Amino acid sequence: MCLDANAITKGGYYDLASIQNIPNSPENFGVLIMIDSRYLTQIVIGINAKLFIRINANDSWTNWREI
């Protein structure tokens, strides 16, 4: 089953192998961390040690930003 990152709203850890709409990551190995607080926040940590972040404000996701 493939999840859409845009539809994930429950806090937790998600395996990138089963998620769509994430930044390009070699072979999609890594984790998506979903933080459910004042603003929904998603952090992607790829196996290549690259980090990406985005937030949902006013029911719209920002673009992924590498940090």
Protein backbone atom coordinates (compact mmCIF):
# COMPACT_ATOMS: atom_id res chain seq x y z
CA MET A 1 0.00 0.00 0.00
CA CYS A 2 1.39 3.39 -0.99
CA LEU A 3 0.61 6.42 1.16
CA ASP A 4 0.44 9.97 -0.15
CA ALA A 5 2.61 12.29 1.97
CA ASN A 6 0.10 15.08 1.29
CA ALA A 7 -2.61 13.09 3.08
CA ILE A 8 -0.61 12.07 6.18
CA THR A 9 -1.87 14.06 9.17
CA LYS A 10 -1.24 11.68 12.05
CA GLY A 11 2.03 12.13 13.93
CA GLY A 12 4.51 9.29 13.66
CA TYR A 13 7.28 7.68 11.67
CA TYR A 14 6.68 6.38 8.16
CA ASP A 15 8.90 4.24 5.89
CA LEU A 16 9.73 6.14 2.70
CA ALA A 17 9.43 2.96 0.64
CA SER A 18 5.65 3.18 0.95
CA ILE A 19 5.15 6.94 0.41
CA GLN A 20 4.51 9.15 -2.64
CA ASN A 21 5.03 12.92 -2.97
CA ILE A 22 8.36 13.05 -1.17
CA PRO A 23 11.57 14.69 -2.33
CA ASN A 24 13.77 12.61 -4.60
CA SER A 25 15.71 10.13 -2.53
CA PRO A 26 17.76 7.26 -3.94
CA GLU A 27 15.62 4.12 -3.83
CA ASN A 28 13.27 5.86 -1.34
CA PHE A 29 15.09 4.47 1.68
CA GLY A 30 14.68 6.49 4.85
CA VAL A 31 11.97 7.84 7.10
CA LEU A 32 9.29 10.52 7.08
CA ILE A 33 8.65 12.04 10.48
CA MET A 34 5.23 13.64 10.84
CA ILE A 35 4.82 16.14 13.66
CA ASP A 36 1.25 17.07 14.53
CA SER A 37 1.41 20.34 16.46
CA ARG A 38 0.18 23.87 15.77
CA TYR A 39 1.30 23.38 12.17
CA LEU A 40 1.63 19.99 10.54
CA THR A 41 5.33 19.43 9.86
CA GLN A 42 6.96 16.71 7.78
CA ILE A 43 10.66 15.92 7.88
CA VAL A 44 12.26 13.45 5.47
CA ILE A 45 15.59 11.85 6.31
CA GLY A 46 16.96 9.85 3.40
CA ILE A 47 19.53 7.09 3.49
CA ASN A 48 21.87 9.58 1.79
CA ALA A 49 21.69 11.72 5.00
CA LYS A 50 19.84 14.52 3.19
CA LEU A 51 17.14 16.28 5.20
CA PHE A 52 14.02 17.92 3.82
CA ILE A 53 11.24 19.77 5.64
CA ARG A 54 7.86 21.31 4.85
CA ILE A 55 4.84 22.57 6.77
CA ASN A 56 1.12 22.68 6.18
CA ALA A 57 -0.39 26.10 6.76
CA ASN A 58 -3.97 26.95 5.86
CA ASP A 59 -4.53 23.45 4.44
CA SER A 60 -1.71 23.79 1.92
CA TRP A 61 1.72 22.14 1.98
CA THR A 62 4.77 24.32 1.35
CA ASN A 63 7.41 23.10 -1.08
CA TRP A 64 9.99 20.68 0.27
CA ARG A 65 13.12 22.53 1.41
CA GLU A 66 16.48 20.84 1.86
CA ILE A 67 18.11 21.69 5.19
